[in-house]
Amino acid sequence: MEIANKRALVLGGTSGIGFAVAEQLVAAGAEVIAGGSSETSIEVARSSTGDSIDYRVIDVLDRDALAGLFADTAPFDILVNTAAPRARAMGPFRELDLDAFQGAFGKLWGYVNSVQLGLEHMSEAGSIVIISGSPARKAPPGTSAISTVGNAVEGFVRAIAPEITPVRINAVSPGPIDTPLVPLQGEQRQQYFQKVVGDQVIPRVGQPSEVADAVMFLLRNDFITGTVVDVDGGAPLP
């Protein structure tokens, strides 16, 4: 797909990976609408991009609001969803709260909502990219919920790709990435990342732009669907 002059909708597009994707789409000549969870996140993003991106507040778990956003911005050619509305479900499986485990699936439901509703308003040759994560391939202790959700996301992509063709759908699976999803700051943040990537093949944390590069590749390549591209520094490898 040629990106220039295409209309792109990026959910979760006000920070982290989504914001990096939105910036790269603008640089490639696309008209970009970016959804964020709050006016505050939108104002922070707009301070960097000005009016080059059309920002909207959206909750990807609110099907009515999402349907309204898609109808208002239709038709569009590209849908990227990096939003991750999920409960923080970390810790030993034997001690994990069941509600937290179930809440972790908010990420999947957001993807299901956006793809199912978005298909009604996409061009025939449209392209969709969503985000998984390296714990789907190799789950460190304490990440059973995140790993299970990641596997469900990747299975979702493979399952629906044949049904929605000629629209394409793919996923990107990031490893440890330096985004606002990691709430720590300063030295604590650096120590956390050093611990996480210490045994990684490429021993550093990734950047949102590196994940966005993979998203752009999948958007452009018309011969790829139903697959997952890893951008993880070799995190799942022994």
Protein backbone atom coordinates (compact mmCIF):
# COMPACT_ATOMS: atom_id res chain seq x y z
CA MET A 1 0.00 0.00 0.00
CA GLU A 2 1.18 3.47 -0.81
CA ILE A 3 0.78 5.49 2.40
CA ALA A 4 0.66 8.96 0.87
CA ASN A 5 -2.84 10.46 0.73
CA LYS A 6 -4.37 7.55 2.66
CA ARG A 7 -6.59 8.16 5.68
CA ALA A 8 -5.29 6.43 8.81
CA LEU A 9 -6.91 5.93 12.20
CA VAL A 10 -4.52 5.22 15.09
CA LEU A 11 -6.14 4.19 18.36
CA GLY A 12 -3.84 4.69 21.32
CA GLY A 13 -2.14 7.30 19.17
CA THR A 14 -1.30 9.92 21.80
CA SER A 15 1.69 8.26 23.45
CA GLY A 16 4.26 5.49 23.17
CA ILE A 17 4.11 3.18 20.17
CA GLY A 18 0.85 4.60 18.85
CA PHE A 19 2.19 8.14 18.87
CA ALA A 20 5.33 7.00 17.03
CA VAL A 21 3.14 5.29 14.42
CA ALA A 22 1.02 8.42 13.99
CA GLU A 23 4.13 10.55 13.49
CA GLN A 24 5.54 8.17 10.87
CA LEU A 25 2.22 8.06 9.03
CA VAL A 26 2.14 11.85 8.87
CA ALA A 27 5.73 11.89 7.59
CA ALA A 28 4.69 9.42 4.88
CA GLY A 29 1.91 11.72 3.70
CA ALA A 30 -1.14 10.16 5.33
CA GLU A 31 -4.10 12.00 6.83
CA VAL A 32 -4.06 10.84 10.45
CA ILE A 33 -6.78 10.70 13.08
CA ALA A 34 -5.41 9.63 16.47
CA GLY A 35 -7.54 8.41 19.35
CA GLY A 36 -6.51 8.96 22.96
CA SER A 37 -8.11 8.06 26.27
CA SER A 38 -8.26 11.60 27.67
CA GLU A 39 -8.04 15.29 26.82
CA THR A 40 -4.87 15.45 28.92
CA SER A 41 -3.06 12.86 26.80
CA ILE A 42 -4.25 14.62 23.65
CA GLU A 43 -2.95 18.00 24.80
CA VAL A 44 0.46 16.49 25.54
CA ALA A 45 0.59 14.88 22.10
CA ARG A 46 -0.65 18.02 20.34
CA SER A 47 2.12 20.04 21.97
CA SER A 48 4.56 18.02 19.83
CA THR A 49 2.62 17.68 16.58
CA GLY A 50 0.52 20.80 16.39
CA ASP A 51 -2.39 20.47 13.97
CA SER A 52 -0.79 17.81 11.77
CA ILE A 53 -2.89 15.13 13.52
CA ASP A 54 -6.63 15.18 14.20
CA TYR A 55 -6.98 13.99 17.81
CA ARG A 56 -10.14 12.46 19.28
CA VAL A 57 -10.98 11.17 22.77
CA ILE A 58 -12.08 7.53 22.56
CA ASP A 59 -12.53 4.50 24.80
CA VAL A 60 -11.98 1.37 22.69
CA LEU A 61 -14.16 -0.64 25.08
CA ASP A 62 -17.14 1.66 24.38
CA ARG A 63 -18.64 0.14 21.24
CA ASP A 64 -21.16 2.93 20.68
CA ALA A 65 -18.50 5.64 20.92
CA LEU A 66 -16.15 3.65 18.71
CA ALA A 67 -18.85 3.11 16.08
CA GLY A 68 -19.51 6.84 16.11
CA LEU A 69 -15.83 7.66 15.64
CA PHE A 70 -15.53 5.27 12.70
CA ALA A 71 -18.66 6.63 11.02
CA ASP A 72 -17.43 10.20 11.50
CA THR A 73 -13.99 9.51 10.01
CA ALA A 74 -15.06 7.11 7.22
CA PRO A 75 -13.89 6.01 4.79
CA PHE A 76 -10.39 5.15 5.99
CA ASP A 77 -7.69 2.89 4.60
CA ILE A 78 -5.53 2.15 7.65
CA LEU A 79 -6.45 1.09 11.17
CA VAL A 80 -3.73 0.73 13.81
CA ASN A 81 -4.74 -0.09 17.38
CA THR A 82 -2.10 0.11 20.09
CA ALA A 83 -4.53 0.91 22.93
CA ALA A 84 -4.22 -1.45 25.89
CA PRO A 85 -7.12 -0.90 28.33
CA ARG A 86 -6.37 -3.70 30.75
CA ALA A 87 -6.09 -4.39 34.45
CA ARG A 88 -2.56 -4.77 35.77
CA ALA A 89 -2.37 -8.52 36.28
CA MET A 90 1.14 -9.39 37.42
CA GLY A 91 2.38 -11.87 39.98
CA PRO A 92 2.61 -15.60 40.69
CA PHE A 93 -0.21 -17.51 39.03
CA ARG A 94 -1.19 -19.31 42.26
CA GLU A 95 -1.81 -15.93 43.90
CA LEU A 96 -3.24 -14.04 40.92
CA ASP A 97 -6.64 -12.47 41.48
CA LEU A 98 -9.17 -13.91 39.01
CA ASP A 99 -10.76 -10.52 38.38
CA ALA A 100 -7.36 -9.09 37.49
CA PHE A 101 -6.70 -12.01 35.14
CA GLN A 102 -10.02 -11.43 33.41
CA GLY A 103 -9.39 -7.69 33.33
CA ALA A 104 -6.19 -8.26 31.40
CA PHE A 105 -8.35 -9.30 28.45
CA GLY A 106 -9.53 -5.70 28.02
CA LYS A 107 -6.72 -5.43 25.48
CA LEU A 108 -8.22 -8.21 23.36
CA TRP A 109 -11.77 -6.87 23.62
CA GLY A 110 -10.56 -3.46 22.47
CA TYR A 111 -9.03 -5.07 19.40
CA VAL A 112 -12.16 -7.12 18.70
CA ASN A 113 -14.32 -3.99 18.96
CA SER A 114 -12.12 -1.87 16.73
CA VAL A 115 -11.66 -4.49 14.01
CA GLN A 116 -15.27 -5.65 13.91
CA LEU A 117 -16.69 -2.13 13.83
CA GLY A 118 -13.90 -0.64 11.74
CA LEU A 119 -14.35 -3.11 8.89
CA GLU A 120 -17.70 -1.50 8.09
CA HIS A 121 -15.95 1.76 7.22
CA MET A 122 -12.65 0.66 5.65
CA SER A 123 -11.68 0.72 2.02
CA GLU A 124 -11.59 -2.67 0.28
CA ALA A 125 -7.79 -2.71 0.19
CA GLY A 126 -7.44 -1.58 3.79
CA SER A 127 -4.80 -2.71 6.28
CA ILE A 128 -5.05 -3.30 10.04
CA VAL A 129 -2.22 -3.70 12.57
CA ILE A 130 -2.60 -4.50 16.27
CA ILE A 131 -0.07 -5.13 19.04
CA SER A 132 0.80 -8.36 20.86
CA GLY A 133 3.92 -8.71 23.04
CA SER A 134 6.94 -10.94 23.57
CA PRO A 135 5.49 -12.66 26.70
CA ALA A 136 3.18 -14.47 24.27
CA ARG A 137 6.26 -16.41 23.12
CA LYS A 138 8.22 -16.58 26.38
CA ALA A 139 6.50 -15.72 29.64
CA PRO A 140 8.75 -14.65 32.53
CA PRO A 141 7.45 -15.67 35.97
CA GLY A 142 4.54 -13.51 37.00
CA THR A 143 3.31 -12.73 33.48
CA SER A 144 0.82 -15.58 32.94
CA ALA A 145 -2.11 -13.23 32.29
CA ILE A 146 -0.18 -11.00 29.90
CA SER A 147 1.17 -14.05 28.08
CA THR A 148 -2.27 -15.60 27.74
CA VAL A 149 -3.74 -12.38 26.36
CA GLY A 150 -0.84 -12.05 23.90
CA ASN A 151 -1.46 -15.56 22.61
CA ALA A 152 -5.15 -14.74 22.22
CA VAL A 153 -4.31 -11.59 20.25
CA GLU A 154 -2.05 -13.51 17.88
CA GLY A 155 -4.62 -16.28 17.49
CA PHE A 156 -7.26 -13.65 16.73
CA VAL A 157 -5.14 -12.27 13.89
CA ARG A 158 -4.61 -15.70 12.35
CA ALA A 159 -8.26 -16.69 12.76
CA ILE A 160 -9.89 -13.69 11.11
CA ALA A 161 -7.38 -12.93 8.34
CA PRO A 162 -9.04 -15.36 5.89
CA GLU A 163 -12.51 -14.01 6.76
CA ILE A 164 -11.84 -10.32 6.17
CA THR A 165 -9.74 -10.49 3.00
CA PRO A 166 -9.02 -8.42 0.90
CA VAL A 167 -8.57 -6.25 4.01
CA ARG A 168 -5.32 -7.39 5.65
CA ILE A 169 -4.64 -7.78 9.36
CA ASN A 170 -1.30 -8.36 11.08
CA ALA A 171 0.27 -7.87 14.50
CA VAL A 172 3.56 -6.60 15.88
CA SER A 173 4.99 -8.23 19.00
CA PRO A 174 7.25 -5.83 20.93
CA GLY A 175 9.70 -6.79 23.64
CA PRO A 176 10.63 -4.34 26.43
CA ILE A 177 9.96 -0.85 25.03
CA ASP A 178 10.63 2.52 26.66
CA THR A 179 7.05 3.85 26.83
CA PRO A 180 4.81 5.53 29.44
CA LEU A 181 3.30 2.11 30.19
CA VAL A 182 6.31 1.66 32.47
CA PRO A 183 5.36 3.99 35.35
CA LEU A 184 8.80 4.18 37.01
CA GLN A 185 10.98 7.26 36.69
CA GLY A 186 14.65 8.20 36.98
CA GLU A 187 17.09 5.69 38.39
CA GLN A 188 14.34 3.21 39.26
CA ARG A 189 13.28 3.14 35.63
CA GLN A 190 16.83 2.52 34.43
CA GLN A 191 17.37 -0.24 36.99
CA TYR A 192 14.12 -1.91 35.94
CA PHE A 193 15.08 -1.90 32.27
CA GLN A 194 18.58 -3.16 33.01
CA LYS A 195 17.10 -6.08 34.92
CA VAL A 196 14.57 -6.88 32.20
CA VAL A 197 17.04 -6.85 29.30
CA GLY A 198 20.08 -8.24 31.13
CA ASP A 199 19.86 -11.67 29.47
CA GLN A 200 18.39 -10.43 26.19
CA VAL A 201 20.25 -11.13 22.93
CA ILE A 202 20.26 -7.40 22.17
CA PRO A 203 20.81 -6.11 25.72
CA ARG A 204 18.91 -2.84 25.63
CA VAL A 205 15.36 -1.59 25.78
CA GLY A 206 13.63 -0.84 22.48
CA GLN A 207 12.23 2.49 21.33
CA PRO A 208 8.66 3.20 20.14
CA SER A 209 10.00 4.29 16.76
CA GLU A 210 11.52 0.84 16.22
CA VAL A 211 8.13 -0.79 16.73
CA ALA A 212 6.52 1.84 14.52
CA ASP A 213 8.98 0.90 11.75
CA ALA A 214 7.57 -2.65 11.79
CA VAL A 215 3.99 -1.36 11.76
CA MET A 216 4.76 0.75 8.70
CA PHE A 217 6.35 -2.26 6.96
CA LEU A 218 3.18 -4.31 7.50
CA LEU A 219 0.98 -1.47 6.27
CA ARG A 220 3.00 -1.09 3.09
CA ASN A 221 3.50 -4.76 2.16
CA ASP A 222 0.36 -5.98 0.38
CA PHE A 223 1.54 -9.62 0.41
CA ILE A 224 1.42 -10.09 4.19
CA THR A 225 -1.65 -10.98 6.25
CA GLY A 226 -2.41 -13.05 9.33
CA THR A 227 1.13 -12.89 10.67
CA VAL A 228 3.10 -11.50 13.60
CA VAL A 229 6.36 -9.54 13.33
CA ASP A 230 8.63 -9.62 16.38
CA VAL A 231 10.44 -6.44 17.46
CA ASP A 232 11.86 -7.69 20.73
CA GLY A 233 15.65 -7.67 20.81
CA GLY A 234 15.57 -11.46 20.78
CA ALA A 235 13.73 -11.53 24.14
CA PRO A 236 12.05 -14.95 23.59
CA LEU A 237 15.30 -16.64 22.59
CA PRO A 238 17.21 -18.85 25.10
